[in-house]
Amino acid sequence: MDLGTLEIAFVLVAICVVPFILMGRNKKKRDKELLQLLFDSAAKENCKITASEHLNDIAIGLDEANNKLFFFKKIEKNEIAQHVNLLEMKSCGILNSNRPMDTKKNKDIIIEKIGLSFTPLEKNKVHTVFEFFNSEETMLLSGELQLAQKWMKIVNTILQEMPSKKEFNSPKQTVTNNQTIVKSSRELVAG
């Protein structure tokens, strides 16, 4: 091989590799910005995120000291910041809205929405939904259902270990239970 052939080969390899390097850098930058927006949303509520995750255009995080869960979603220029006080919630479930798509060969299901739905303790309050996926915004699922299931388990574990409203009158009991909650939520996020 002569020097000219090596130069051409090097340029072709660079043309193929550089776009992937640039996409990786852009993704890291977007992920960092998304998490910062989640942390800023928590800071507005005088909270600090101690456990968090992100996927594509969504981020979810937990302030274990204040028992608040934060959610941030950025689709194009729209930003949605939500939070729930877990002390005011009874349970957390998966919202999985779908419809059948009837074809001649088989019956498929089209998932329209996936999210976390929070049931409040007080019956006169409305449910809160953190929408992880909406088929009108993005066409393909890429881990949203698994992320929603994971956080549903984390939240329900915290809710089960949380002291009842009667126990809130005793500060010592609350501190003890909060320490238990913090420990178990960190274990669940790590696992």
C-alpha atoms as a PDB file:
ATOM      1  CA  MET A   1       0.000   0.000   0.000  1.00  0.00           C
ATOM      2  CA  ASP A   2       1.223   3.417  -0.782  1.00  0.00           C
ATOM      3  CA  LEU A   3       0.777   6.600   1.256  1.00  0.00           C
ATOM      4  CA  GLY A   4      -2.136   7.895  -0.872  1.00  0.00           C
ATOM      5  CA  THR A   5      -4.187   4.751  -0.257  1.00  0.00           C
ATOM      6  CA  LEU A   6      -3.584   4.980   3.498  1.00  0.00           C
ATOM      7  CA  GLU A   7      -4.679   8.626   3.534  1.00  0.00           C
ATOM      8  CA  ILE A   8      -7.897   7.806   1.667  1.00  0.00           C
ATOM      9  CA  ALA A   9      -8.614   4.885   4.025  1.00  0.00           C
ATOM     10  CA  PHE A  10      -8.012   7.106   7.060  1.00  0.00           C
ATOM     11  CA  VAL A  11     -10.359   9.812   5.716  1.00  0.00           C
ATOM     12  CA  LEU A  12     -13.109   7.248   4.974  1.00  0.00           C
ATOM     13  CA  VAL A  13     -12.825   5.744   8.459  1.00  0.00           C
ATOM     14  CA  ALA A  14     -12.956   9.235   9.998  1.00  0.00           C
ATOM     15  CA  ILE A  15     -16.059  10.098   7.953  1.00  0.00           C
ATOM     16  CA  CYS A  16     -17.775   6.963   9.269  1.00  0.00           C
ATOM     17  CA  VAL A  17     -16.698   7.299  12.919  1.00  0.00           C
ATOM     18  CA  VAL A  18     -16.990  11.049  13.590  1.00  0.00           C
ATOM     19  CA  PRO A  19     -20.818  11.200  13.356  1.00  0.00           C
ATOM     20  CA  PHE A  20     -21.129   8.519  16.050  1.00  0.00           C
ATOM     21  CA  ILE A  21     -18.731  10.371  18.326  1.00  0.00           C
ATOM     22  CA  LEU A  22     -20.683  13.616  17.842  1.00  0.00           C
ATOM     23  CA  MET A  23     -24.030  11.871  18.506  1.00  0.00           C
ATOM     24  CA  GLY A  24     -22.638  10.374  21.714  1.00  0.00           C
ATOM     25  CA  ARG A  25     -21.457  13.783  22.923  1.00  0.00           C
ATOM     26  CA  ASN A  26     -24.798  15.396  22.068  1.00  0.00           C
ATOM     27  CA  LYS A  27     -26.679  12.668  23.951  1.00  0.00           C
ATOM     28  CA  LYS A  28     -24.507  13.123  27.047  1.00  0.00           C
ATOM     29  CA  LYS A  29     -25.077  16.869  26.894  1.00  0.00           C
ATOM     30  CA  ARG A  30     -28.871  16.433  26.537  1.00  0.00           C
ATOM     31  CA  ASP A  31     -28.942  13.922  29.407  1.00  0.00           C
ATOM     32  CA  LYS A  32     -26.996  16.292  31.651  1.00  0.00           C
ATOM     33  CA  GLU A  33     -29.330  19.193  30.788  1.00  0.00           C
ATOM     34  CA  LEU A  34     -32.410  17.040  31.446  1.00  0.00           C
ATOM     35  CA  LEU A  35     -31.168  15.981  34.882  1.00  0.00           C
ATOM     36  CA  GLN A  36     -30.267  19.589  35.688  1.00  0.00           C
ATOM     37  CA  LEU A  37     -33.836  20.647  34.808  1.00  0.00           C
ATOM     38  CA  LEU A  38     -35.129  17.934  37.166  1.00  0.00           C
ATOM     39  CA  PHE A  39     -32.820  19.114  39.963  1.00  0.00           C
ATOM     40  CA  ASP A  40     -33.861  22.747  39.354  1.00  0.00           C
ATOM     41  CA  SER A  41     -37.535  21.781  39.546  1.00  0.00           C
ATOM     42  CA  ALA A  42     -36.866  20.092  42.908  1.00  0.00           C
ATOM     43  CA  ALA A  43     -34.900  23.098  44.158  1.00  0.00           C
ATOM     44  CA  LYS A  44     -37.932  25.334  43.477  1.00  0.00           C
ATOM     45  CA  GLU A  45     -39.798  23.203  46.037  1.00  0.00           C
ATOM     46  CA  ASN A  46     -36.866  23.409  48.507  1.00  0.00           C
ATOM     47  CA  CYS A  47     -36.022  19.772  47.847  1.00  0.00           C
ATOM     48  CA  LYS A  48     -32.906  17.889  46.840  1.00  0.00           C
ATOM     49  CA  ILE A  49     -32.956  14.867  44.547  1.00  0.00           C
ATOM     50  CA  THR A  50     -31.147  11.929  46.161  1.00  0.00           C
ATOM     51  CA  ALA A  51     -32.087   9.184  43.672  1.00  0.00           C
ATOM     52  CA  SER A  52     -32.827   9.715  39.991  1.00  0.00           C
ATOM     53  CA  GLU A  53     -32.995   8.149  36.556  1.00  0.00           C
ATOM     54  CA  HIS A  54     -33.499   9.417  33.052  1.00  0.00           C
ATOM     55  CA  LEU A  55     -34.483   7.916  29.742  1.00  0.00           C
ATOM     56  CA  ASN A  56     -34.679   9.742  26.432  1.00  0.00           C
ATOM     57  CA  ASP A  57     -36.674  12.907  27.196  1.00  0.00           C
ATOM     58  CA  ILE A  58     -37.882  12.058  30.724  1.00  0.00           C
ATOM     59  CA  ALA A  59     -36.288  12.192  34.149  1.00  0.00           C
ATOM     60  CA  ILE A  60     -37.632  11.069  37.500  1.00  0.00           C
ATOM     61  CA  GLY A  61     -36.125  11.673  40.908  1.00  0.00           C
ATOM     62  CA  LEU A  62     -36.823  11.227  44.588  1.00  0.00           C
ATOM     63  CA  ASP A  63     -36.146  13.495  47.535  1.00  0.00           C
ATOM     64  CA  GLU A  64     -35.925  10.870  50.244  1.00  0.00           C
ATOM     65  CA  ALA A  65     -35.772  13.361  53.132  1.00  0.00           C
ATOM     66  CA  ASN A  66     -39.025  15.096  52.149  1.00  0.00           C
ATOM     67  CA  ASN A  67     -40.728  12.071  50.558  1.00  0.00           C
ATOM     68  CA  LYS A  68     -41.372  13.903  47.303  1.00  0.00           C
ATOM     69  CA  LEU A  69     -41.147  12.439  43.830  1.00  0.00           C
ATOM     70  CA  PHE A  70     -40.272  14.693  40.887  1.00  0.00           C
ATOM     71  CA  PHE A  71     -40.817  14.175  37.171  1.00  0.00           C
ATOM     72  CA  PHE A  72     -39.568  16.167  34.220  1.00  0.00           C
ATOM     73  CA  LYS A  73     -40.372  15.647  30.548  1.00  0.00           C
ATOM     74  CA  LYS A  74     -39.060  17.640  27.623  1.00  0.00           C
ATOM     75  CA  ILE A  75     -40.594  17.121  24.202  1.00  0.00           C
ATOM     76  CA  GLU A  76     -39.265  19.544  21.611  1.00  0.00           C
ATOM     77  CA  LYS A  77     -39.940  22.971  23.175  1.00  0.00           C
ATOM     78  CA  ASN A  78     -42.521  21.765  25.707  1.00  0.00           C
ATOM     79  CA  GLU A  79     -41.345  21.147  29.258  1.00  0.00           C
ATOM     80  CA  ILE A  80     -43.478  19.436  31.883  1.00  0.00           C
ATOM     81  CA  ALA A  81     -42.376  19.517  35.516  1.00  0.00           C
ATOM     82  CA  GLN A  82     -44.493  17.672  38.083  1.00  0.00           C
ATOM     83  CA  HIS A  83     -44.086  16.450  41.624  1.00  0.00           C
ATOM     84  CA  VAL A  84     -46.078  14.565  44.230  1.00  0.00           C
ATOM     85  CA  ASN A  85     -45.810  14.518  47.976  1.00  0.00           C
ATOM     86  CA  LEU A  86     -45.742  10.824  48.824  1.00  0.00           C
ATOM     87  CA  LEU A  87     -47.110  11.587  52.293  1.00  0.00           C
ATOM     88  CA  GLU A  88     -50.379  12.530  50.577  1.00  0.00           C
ATOM     89  CA  MET A  89     -50.552   9.438  48.351  1.00  0.00           C
ATOM     90  CA  LYS A  90     -52.262   6.125  48.975  1.00  0.00           C
ATOM     91  CA  SER A  91     -50.778   4.102  46.106  1.00  0.00           C
ATOM     92  CA  CYS A  92     -49.001   4.210  42.782  1.00  0.00           C
ATOM     93  CA  GLY A  93     -49.942   2.218  39.700  1.00  0.00           C
ATOM     94  CA  ILE A  94     -49.079   1.892  36.031  1.00  0.00           C
ATOM     95  CA  LEU A  95     -51.192   3.742  33.501  1.00  0.00           C
ATOM     96  CA  ASN A  96     -51.137   1.624  30.352  1.00  0.00           C
ATOM     97  CA  SER A  97     -53.578   2.960  27.792  1.00  0.00           C
ATOM     98  CA  ASN A  98     -53.826   0.831  24.676  1.00  0.00           C
ATOM     99  CA  ARG A  99     -56.161  -0.108  21.864  1.00  0.00           C
ATOM    100  CA  PRO A 100     -56.478  -3.183  19.680  1.00  0.00           C
ATOM    101  CA  MET A 101     -55.350  -3.055  16.078  1.00  0.00           C
ATOM    102  CA  ASP A 102     -57.280  -5.638  14.137  1.00  0.00           C
ATOM    103  CA  THR A 103     -55.488  -7.001  11.119  1.00  0.00           C
ATOM    104  CA  LYS A 104     -56.443 -10.019   9.035  1.00  0.00           C
ATOM    105  CA  LYS A 105     -53.589 -12.143  10.350  1.00  0.00           C
ATOM    106  CA  ASN A 106     -53.493 -11.296  14.051  1.00  0.00           C
ATOM    107  CA  LYS A 107     -54.712  -8.945  16.738  1.00  0.00           C
ATOM    108  CA  ASP A 108     -52.030  -6.555  17.865  1.00  0.00           C
ATOM    109  CA  ILE A 109     -52.228  -4.015  20.645  1.00  0.00           C
ATOM    110  CA  ILE A 110     -51.095  -0.443  20.140  1.00  0.00           C
ATOM    111  CA  ILE A 111     -49.854   1.241  23.297  1.00  0.00           C
ATOM    112  CA  GLU A 112     -51.012   4.841  23.390  1.00  0.00           C
ATOM    113  CA  LYS A 113     -49.817   6.011  26.815  1.00  0.00           C
ATOM    114  CA  ILE A 114     -47.678   4.757  29.687  1.00  0.00           C
ATOM    115  CA  GLY A 115     -47.272   6.508  32.982  1.00  0.00           C
ATOM    116  CA  LEU A 116     -47.345   6.409  36.748  1.00  0.00           C
ATOM    117  CA  SER A 117     -50.714   7.139  38.304  1.00  0.00           C
ATOM    118  CA  PHE A 118     -50.851   8.291  41.924  1.00  0.00           C
ATOM    119  CA  THR A 119     -53.960   7.773  44.044  1.00  0.00           C
ATOM    120  CA  PRO A 120     -54.286  10.413  46.775  1.00  0.00           C
ATOM    121  CA  LEU A 121     -55.266   9.585  50.348  1.00  0.00           C
ATOM    122  CA  GLU A 122     -58.102  12.112  50.203  1.00  0.00           C
ATOM    123  CA  LYS A 123     -60.885  10.931  47.935  1.00  0.00           C
ATOM    124  CA  ASN A 124     -61.846  14.433  46.806  1.00  0.00           C
ATOM    125  CA  LYS A 125     -58.397  15.065  45.253  1.00  0.00           C
ATOM    126  CA  VAL A 126     -57.594  14.110  41.671  1.00  0.00           C
ATOM    127  CA  HIS A 127     -55.107  11.459  40.581  1.00  0.00           C
ATOM    128  CA  THR A 128     -51.722  12.691  39.418  1.00  0.00           C
ATOM    129  CA  VAL A 129     -50.167  11.076  36.340  1.00  0.00           C
ATOM    130  CA  PHE A 130     -46.528  11.226  35.261  1.00  0.00           C
ATOM    131  CA  GLU A 131     -46.739  10.469  31.527  1.00  0.00           C
ATOM    132  CA  PHE A 132     -43.681   8.500  30.404  1.00  0.00           C
ATOM    133  CA  PHE A 133     -44.866   7.711  26.871  1.00  0.00           C
ATOM    134  CA  ASN A 134     -47.468   9.129  24.514  1.00  0.00           C
ATOM    135  CA  SER A 135     -47.811   7.704  21.002  1.00  0.00           C
ATOM    136  CA  GLU A 136     -48.748  11.158  19.711  1.00  0.00           C
ATOM    137  CA  GLU A 137     -45.298  12.462  20.727  1.00  0.00           C
ATOM    138  CA  THR A 138     -43.063   9.505  19.899  1.00  0.00           C
ATOM    139  CA  MET A 139     -43.737   6.414  17.852  1.00  0.00           C
ATOM    140  CA  LEU A 140     -41.598   3.759  19.524  1.00  0.00           C
ATOM    141  CA  LEU A 141     -41.254   2.572  23.089  1.00  0.00           C
ATOM    142  CA  SER A 142     -37.691   2.389  24.312  1.00  0.00           C
ATOM    143  CA  GLY A 143     -37.764   1.340  27.943  1.00  0.00           C
ATOM    144  CA  GLU A 144     -40.532   3.606  29.256  1.00  0.00           C
ATOM    145  CA  LEU A 145     -42.678   0.697  30.477  1.00  0.00           C
ATOM    146  CA  GLN A 146     -39.772  -0.877  32.353  1.00  0.00           C
ATOM    147  CA  LEU A 147     -38.822   2.467  33.913  1.00  0.00           C
ATOM    148  CA  ALA A 148     -42.425   3.076  34.995  1.00  0.00           C
ATOM    149  CA  GLN A 149     -42.646  -0.418  36.510  1.00  0.00           C
ATOM    150  CA  LYS A 150     -39.386   0.048  38.386  1.00  0.00           C
ATOM    151  CA  TRP A 151     -40.476   3.380  39.891  1.00  0.00           C
ATOM    152  CA  MET A 152     -43.933   2.039  40.726  1.00  0.00           C
ATOM    153  CA  LYS A 153     -42.241  -0.643  42.845  1.00  0.00           C
ATOM    154  CA  ILE A 154     -39.976   1.939  44.499  1.00  0.00           C
ATOM    155  CA  VAL A 155     -42.868   4.274  45.309  1.00  0.00           C
ATOM    156  CA  ASN A 156     -45.166   1.509  46.582  1.00  0.00           C
ATOM    157  CA  THR A 157     -42.386   0.171  48.817  1.00  0.00           C
ATOM    158  CA  ILE A 158     -41.936   3.652  50.262  1.00  0.00           C
ATOM    159  CA  LEU A 159     -45.693   4.063  50.717  1.00  0.00           C
ATOM    160  CA  GLN A 160     -45.975   0.705  52.506  1.00  0.00           C
ATOM    161  CA  GLU A 161     -43.151   1.577  54.892  1.00  0.00           C
ATOM    162  CA  MET A 162     -44.444   5.075  55.530  1.00  0.00           C
ATOM    163  CA  PRO A 163     -45.956   5.770  58.934  1.00  0.00           C
ATOM    164  CA  SER A 164     -49.716   6.138  59.106  1.00  0.00           C
ATOM    165  CA  LYS A 165     -51.240   9.571  59.689  1.00  0.00           C
ATOM    166  CA  LYS A 166     -51.694   8.742  63.390  1.00  0.00           C
ATOM    167  CA  GLU A 167     -47.944   8.187  63.753  1.00  0.00           C
ATOM    168  CA  PHE A 168     -47.126  11.650  62.385  1.00  0.00           C
ATOM    169  CA  ASN A 169     -47.892  13.115  65.809  1.00  0.00           C
ATOM    170  CA  SER A 170     -44.782  11.425  67.158  1.00  0.00           C
ATOM    171  CA  PRO A 171     -41.606  13.052  65.729  1.00  0.00           C
ATOM    172  CA  LYS A 172     -39.384  10.238  66.999  1.00  0.00           C
ATOM    173  CA  GLN A 173     -41.436   7.626  65.130  1.00  0.00           C
ATOM    174  CA  THR A 174     -41.369   9.685  61.932  1.00  0.00           C
ATOM    175  CA  VAL A 175     -37.583  10.009  61.957  1.00  0.00           C
ATOM    176  CA  THR A 176     -37.166   6.281  62.522  1.00  0.00           C
ATOM    177  CA  ASN A 177     -39.528   5.449  59.670  1.00  0.00           C
ATOM    178  CA  ASN A 178     -37.929   8.014  57.342  1.00  0.00           C
ATOM    179  CA  GLN A 179     -34.555   6.360  57.890  1.00  0.00           C
ATOM    180  CA  THR A 180     -36.060   3.021  56.925  1.00  0.00           C
ATOM    181  CA  ILE A 181     -37.675   4.571  53.865  1.00  0.00           C
ATOM    182  CA  VAL A 182     -34.423   6.196  52.735  1.00  0.00           C
ATOM    183  CA  LYS A 183     -32.504   2.944  53.067  1.00  0.00           C
ATOM    184  CA  SER A 184     -35.013   0.859  51.131  1.00  0.00           C
ATOM    185  CA  SER A 185     -35.519   3.388  48.320  1.00  0.00           C
ATOM    186  CA  ARG A 186     -31.760   3.601  47.724  1.00  0.00           C
ATOM    187  CA  GLU A 187     -31.583  -0.183  47.582  1.00  0.00           C
ATOM    188  CA  LEU A 188     -34.440  -0.302  45.072  1.00  0.00           C
ATOM    189  CA  VAL A 189     -32.980   2.376  42.777  1.00  0.00           C
ATOM    190  CA  ALA A 190     -29.599   0.624  42.809  1.00  0.00           C
ATOM    191  CA  GLY A 191     -31.201  -2.735  41.993  1.00  0.00           C
END
